């Protein structure tokens, strides 16, 4: 008992933390815990924003791509940084899910309604073999006054051809299936165009219109809609992917030749007129 009395500030802080944790798990202010796979879906389909509340050292050692970094102890003073994302799902992340649950509760008290907690934290994320980076976040403010997307980045992966459309794949950054599909296309040695729909929302609308689906990846070879990653690998298993790629490339080359001939005739007509 003397130990408790002598260290009452520490025990009081512990009680407060336990109460906050309980209130995030049950009751009207409860914050939803999300599995890593659910968070990936939220990123791909709901444009969710991730907020890493660990220490600077932990964040630098490895974090989820484009996760904002606001240590939990600084959240209340820096809550304004999340205002641009108030209407989007916000997922808080820490090592185990404990600190992030406290952060999510604090955000909810500040009027943020769409808050979630990554259950199991980075330990669960890494156990699911999901990607981690040590680079800085490239996330910009959510939108400017003109309503333009706030994220910027390359639409086409380095090495892919930006002006050839015989092979087109719509992807997002945090999508293991997209990574797997791109890996197979690279192994076939074909030129392809990769469109990041998480960076360009207008291209997501285009994808959904063409594919009739909101999931990623969506793959087109010529005018043929392959589908997703599973369908691409099924073609490869049936030895149908190679011939399909060859036909699409031949059609694209023929179309380019025809366009060149038309341009040549038009130039000749201008010279003789």
Protein backbone atom coordinates (compact mmCIF):
# COMPACT_ATOMS: atom_id res chain seq x y z
CA UNK A 1 0.00 0.00 0.00
CA UNK A 2 2.86 2.38 0.73
CA UNK A 3 4.22 1.76 -2.75
CA UNK A 4 0.86 2.75 -4.26
CA UNK A 5 0.64 5.90 -2.11
CA UNK A 6 4.18 6.93 -2.95
CA UNK A 7 3.60 6.45 -6.68
CA UNK A 8 -0.03 7.56 -6.91
CA UNK A 9 0.53 9.76 -10.02
CA UNK A 10 1.67 6.72 -11.99
CA UNK A 11 -1.25 4.62 -10.81
CA UNK A 12 -3.68 7.45 -11.58
CA UNK A 13 -2.30 7.68 -15.14
CA UNK A 14 -2.66 3.91 -15.50
CA UNK A 15 -6.29 4.06 -14.37
CA UNK A 16 -7.02 6.84 -16.86
CA UNK A 17 -5.48 4.85 -19.70
CA UNK A 18 -7.47 1.73 -18.77
CA UNK A 19 -10.71 3.74 -18.63
CA UNK A 20 -9.99 5.26 -22.05
CA UNK A 21 -9.27 1.84 -23.51
CA UNK A 22 -12.52 0.42 -22.11
CA UNK A 23 -14.49 3.34 -23.52
CA UNK A 24 -13.00 2.75 -26.97
CA UNK A 25 -14.00 -0.92 -26.89
CA UNK A 26 -17.57 -0.68 -25.51
CA UNK A 27 -20.32 1.88 -25.18
CA UNK A 28 -21.62 4.62 -27.47
CA UNK A 29 -18.16 6.04 -28.04
CA UNK A 30 -16.68 2.71 -29.10
CA UNK A 31 -14.17 2.77 -31.95
CA UNK A 32 -14.31 -0.01 -34.51
CA UNK A 33 -11.30 -2.31 -34.62
CA UNK A 34 -10.32 -3.33 -38.14
CA UNK A 35 -8.34 -6.29 -39.41
CA UNK A 36 -5.41 -5.55 -41.74
CA UNK A 37 -7.37 -6.95 -44.68
CA UNK A 38 -10.27 -4.65 -43.85
CA UNK A 39 -7.93 -1.67 -43.73
CA UNK A 40 -6.53 -2.57 -47.17
CA UNK A 41 -10.09 -2.66 -48.51
CA UNK A 42 -10.84 0.72 -46.91
CA UNK A 43 -7.74 2.22 -48.52
CA UNK A 44 -8.56 0.80 -51.94
CA UNK A 45 -12.29 1.47 -51.99
CA UNK A 46 -13.03 4.22 -49.43
CA UNK A 47 -9.88 6.35 -49.77
CA UNK A 48 -9.11 5.87 -46.07
CA UNK A 49 -6.37 7.89 -44.39
CA UNK A 50 -3.92 6.21 -42.00
CA UNK A 51 -2.48 8.02 -38.98
CA UNK A 52 0.52 6.44 -37.26
CA UNK A 53 0.64 7.53 -33.60
CA UNK A 54 3.89 5.84 -32.58
CA UNK A 55 7.12 7.58 -31.66
CA UNK A 56 9.44 9.14 -34.25
CA UNK A 57 11.88 6.26 -33.89
CA UNK A 58 9.20 3.61 -34.40
CA UNK A 59 7.80 5.41 -37.44
CA UNK A 60 11.23 5.73 -39.05
CA UNK A 61 11.92 2.03 -38.56
CA UNK A 62 8.96 1.14 -40.77
CA UNK A 63 5.39 2.29 -41.39
CA UNK A 64 2.49 1.84 -43.79
CA UNK A 65 2.89 3.70 -47.06
CA UNK A 66 1.59 7.29 -46.95
CA UNK A 67 0.57 7.03 -43.29
CA UNK A 68 0.55 10.43 -41.61
CA UNK A 69 2.69 10.59 -38.48
CA UNK A 70 1.28 12.28 -35.37
CA UNK A 71 2.53 10.82 -32.05
CA UNK A 72 -0.37 10.12 -29.72
CA UNK A 73 0.87 12.62 -27.14
CA UNK A 74 0.74 15.41 -29.73
CA UNK A 75 -2.60 14.49 -31.32
CA UNK A 76 -4.76 17.02 -29.49
CA UNK A 77 -2.40 19.87 -30.40
CA UNK A 78 -2.15 18.74 -34.05
CA UNK A 79 -5.74 17.61 -34.61
CA UNK A 80 -6.20 20.43 -37.14
CA UNK A 81 -3.93 18.49 -39.53
CA UNK A 82 -6.71 15.90 -39.87
CA UNK A 83 -9.50 18.38 -40.64
CA UNK A 84 -9.11 18.00 -44.45
CA UNK A 85 -9.85 14.28 -44.03
CA UNK A 86 -12.82 14.63 -41.66
CA UNK A 87 -15.32 13.20 -44.15
CA UNK A 88 -13.12 10.20 -44.97
CA UNK A 89 -12.39 7.06 -42.92
CA UNK A 90 -9.39 7.64 -40.63
CA UNK A 91 -7.55 4.57 -39.34
CA UNK A 92 -5.21 5.04 -36.38
CA UNK A 93 -2.17 2.79 -36.13
CA UNK A 94 0.39 1.93 -33.43
CA UNK A 95 2.48 -1.14 -32.64
CA UNK A 96 -0.21 -3.27 -30.95
CA UNK A 97 -3.46 -1.30 -31.25
CA UNK A 98 -3.45 0.09 -27.70
CA UNK A 99 -2.13 3.62 -28.27
CA UNK A 100 -4.05 3.93 -31.51
CA UNK A 101 -7.32 3.10 -29.74
CA UNK A 102 -6.70 5.98 -27.33
CA UNK A 103 -5.88 8.27 -30.27
CA UNK A 104 -9.07 7.21 -32.10
CA UNK A 105 -11.13 7.97 -29.00
CA UNK A 106 -9.54 11.43 -28.73
CA UNK A 107 -10.32 12.12 -32.38
CA UNK A 108 -13.90 11.02 -31.89
CA UNK A 109 -14.26 13.46 -29.01
CA UNK A 110 -13.07 16.18 -31.39
CA UNK A 111 -15.96 15.46 -33.76
CA UNK A 112 -14.37 12.94 -36.13
CA UNK A 113 -17.07 10.36 -36.82
CA UNK A 114 -15.39 7.95 -39.24
CA UNK A 115 -12.53 6.77 -37.02
CA UNK A 116 -11.16 3.24 -36.83
CA UNK A 117 -8.37 1.39 -35.07
CA UNK A 118 -6.03 -1.10 -36.73
CA UNK A 119 -6.52 -4.11 -34.48
CA UNK A 120 -3.20 -5.65 -33.53
CA UNK A 121 -1.37 -2.63 -34.95
CA UNK A 122 1.78 -2.92 -37.02
CA UNK A 123 2.45 -6.36 -35.58
CA UNK A 124 -0.74 -7.67 -37.21
CA UNK A 125 -0.03 -5.73 -40.43
CA UNK A 126 3.43 -7.23 -40.81
CA UNK A 127 2.19 -10.70 -39.84
CA UNK A 128 -0.21 -10.45 -42.79
CA UNK A 129 2.83 -9.79 -45.05
CA UNK A 130 1.51 -6.38 -46.06
CA UNK A 131 3.95 -3.74 -47.35
CA UNK A 132 5.94 -1.45 -45.06
CA UNK A 133 8.16 1.48 -46.02
CA UNK A 134 10.77 3.64 -44.31
CA UNK A 135 10.32 6.61 -46.63
CA UNK A 136 8.47 9.82 -45.73
CA UNK A 137 4.76 10.14 -46.39
CA UNK A 138 3.91 11.73 -49.73
CA UNK A 139 0.37 12.56 -48.68
CA UNK A 140 -0.71 16.13 -49.31
CA UNK A 141 -3.80 17.97 -47.97
CA UNK A 142 -6.96 16.18 -49.03
CA UNK A 143 -8.24 18.77 -51.49
CA UNK A 144 -7.80 22.38 -52.42
CA UNK A 145 -10.56 24.94 -52.88
CA UNK A 146 -11.09 23.83 -56.47
CA UNK A 147 -11.79 20.29 -55.31
CA UNK A 148 -8.76 18.76 -56.98
CA UNK A 149 -7.27 15.57 -55.51
CA UNK A 150 -4.60 16.28 -52.92
CA UNK A 151 -2.42 13.27 -53.63
CA UNK A 152 0.24 13.49 -56.27
CA UNK A 153 2.41 10.80 -57.75
CA UNK A 154 3.38 8.97 -60.92
CA UNK A 155 0.44 7.53 -62.78
CA UNK A 156 2.60 5.08 -64.68
CA UNK A 157 5.16 2.89 -62.97
CA UNK A 158 8.74 3.58 -64.07
CA UNK A 159 9.59 1.23 -66.91
CA UNK A 160 6.02 0.96 -68.12
CA UNK A 161 5.03 2.58 -71.37
CA UNK A 162 2.81 5.64 -70.93
CA UNK A 163 1.67 5.80 -74.56
CA UNK A 164 0.88 2.16 -75.25
CA UNK A 165 -2.53 0.86 -74.24
CA UNK A 166 -2.39 -2.74 -75.43
CA UNK A 167 -1.96 -3.76 -71.76
CA UNK A 168 -3.58 -1.60 -69.08
CA UNK A 169 -3.79 -2.33 -65.36
CA UNK A 170 -5.59 -0.25 -62.75
CA UNK A 171 -3.95 -0.51 -59.31
CA UNK A 172 -3.53 1.07 -55.88
CA UNK A 173 -0.44 1.32 -53.69
CA UNK A 174 -1.51 -0.97 -50.84
CA UNK A 175 -2.80 -3.92 -52.81
CA UNK A 176 -0.94 -7.25 -52.67
CA UNK A 177 -2.99 -8.55 -55.59
CA UNK A 178 -1.97 -5.55 -57.71
CA UNK A 179 1.68 -6.19 -56.87
CA UNK A 180 1.32 -9.85 -57.83
CA UNK A 181 -0.39 -9.02 -61.13
CA UNK A 182 2.25 -6.42 -62.07
CA UNK A 183 4.97 -8.93 -61.24
CA UNK A 184 3.50 -11.44 -63.70
CA UNK A 185 3.19 -8.84 -66.46
CA UNK A 186 6.82 -7.82 -65.94
CA UNK A 187 7.89 -11.45 -66.14
CA UNK A 188 6.24 -11.68 -69.57
CA UNK A 189 8.40 -8.79 -70.81
CA UNK A 190 5.47 -6.74 -72.12
CA UNK A 191 4.97 -2.99 -72.14
CA UNK A 192 2.05 -1.99 -69.96
CA UNK A 193 0.38 1.09 -68.57
CA UNK A 194 -0.25 1.14 -64.82
CA UNK A 195 -2.92 3.56 -63.62
CA UNK A 196 -2.95 4.36 -59.89
CA UNK A 197 -6.61 4.96 -59.04
CA UNK A 198 -5.77 5.86 -55.43
CA UNK A 199 -3.84 8.86 -56.76
CA UNK A 200 -6.28 9.78 -59.53
CA UNK A 201 -9.94 9.37 -58.41
CA UNK A 202 -11.19 10.29 -61.90
CA UNK A 203 -9.41 7.21 -63.26
CA UNK A 204 -11.21 5.09 -60.62
CA UNK A 205 -14.50 6.26 -62.12
CA UNK A 206 -13.16 5.32 -65.55
CA UNK A 207 -12.12 1.89 -64.26
CA UNK A 208 -15.48 1.17 -62.65
CA UNK A 209 -17.28 2.21 -65.83
CA UNK A 210 -15.12 -0.02 -68.04
CA UNK A 211 -14.82 -3.03 -65.73
CA UNK A 212 -18.15 -2.89 -63.92
CA UNK A 213 -16.24 -3.42 -60.68
CA UNK A 214 -14.65 -1.27 -57.97
CA UNK A 215 -12.05 -3.83 -56.87
CA UNK A 216 -8.39 -3.69 -57.91
CA UNK A 217 -6.54 -4.69 -59.91
CA UNK A 218 -8.56 -4.50 -63.11
CA UNK A 219 -6.65 -5.61 -66.19
CA UNK A 220 -7.32 -5.00 -69.88
CA UNK A 221 -5.37 -6.60 -72.71
CA UNK A 222 -6.36 -4.80 -75.87
CA UNK A 223 -10.15 -4.64 -75.83
CA UNK A 224 -10.34 -7.79 -73.71
CA UNK A 225 -11.23 -7.31 -70.03
CA UNK A 226 -9.24 -9.95 -68.18
CA UNK A 227 -10.58 -9.16 -64.72
CA UNK A 228 -8.42 -9.24 -61.61
CA UNK A 229 -5.26 -10.96 -60.40
CA UNK A 230 -6.82 -14.43 -60.12
CA UNK A 231 -8.13 -14.27 -63.69
CA UNK A 232 -4.72 -13.14 -64.98
CA UNK A 233 -2.96 -16.07 -63.31
CA UNK A 234 -5.65 -18.45 -64.56
CA UNK A 235 -4.85 -17.39 -68.13
CA UNK A 236 -1.18 -18.01 -67.44
CA UNK A 237 -1.91 -21.45 -65.98
CA UNK A 238 -3.91 -22.36 -69.10
CA UNK A 239 -1.14 -21.09 -71.42
CA UNK A 240 -3.53 -18.47 -72.80
CA UNK A 241 -1.87 -15.33 -71.48
CA UNK A 242 1.10 -15.34 -73.89
CA UNK A 243 -0.98 -15.67 -77.08
CA UNK A 244 -3.42 -13.02 -75.83
CA UNK A 245 -0.59 -10.58 -75.18
CA UNK A 246 0.93 -11.29 -78.60
CA UNK A 247 -2.37 -10.64 -80.39
CA UNK A 248 -2.94 -7.41 -78.49
CA UNK A 249 0.58 -6.19 -79.24
CA UNK A 250 0.19 -7.06 -82.93
CA UNK A 251 -3.15 -5.22 -83.09
CA UNK A 252 -1.65 -2.17 -81.40
CA UNK A 253 1.31 -2.18 -83.79
CA UNK A 254 -1.03 -2.47 -86.79
CA UNK A 255 -3.18 0.38 -85.50
CA UNK A 256 -0.10 2.56 -85.06
CA UNK A 257 1.03 1.75 -88.61
CA UNK A 258 -2.39 2.65 -90.01
CA UNK A 259 -2.37 5.92 -88.09
CA UNK A 260 1.09 6.67 -89.45
CA UNK A 261 -0.13 6.07 -93.00
CA UNK A 262 -3.12 8.36 -92.46
CA UNK A 263 -0.87 11.08 -91.07
CA UNK A 264 1.44 10.68 -94.07
CA UNK A 265 -1.43 11.05 -96.54
CA UNK A 266 -2.72 14.11 -94.72
CA UNK A 267 0.73 15.72 -94.83
CA UNK A 268 1.00 15.01 -98.58
CA UNK A 269 -2.42 16.55 -99.21
CA UNK A 270 -1.40 19.67 -97.30
CA UNK A 271 1.80 19.97 -99.33
CA UNK A 272 0.01 19.64 -102.68
CA UNK A 273 -2.85 21.97 -101.79
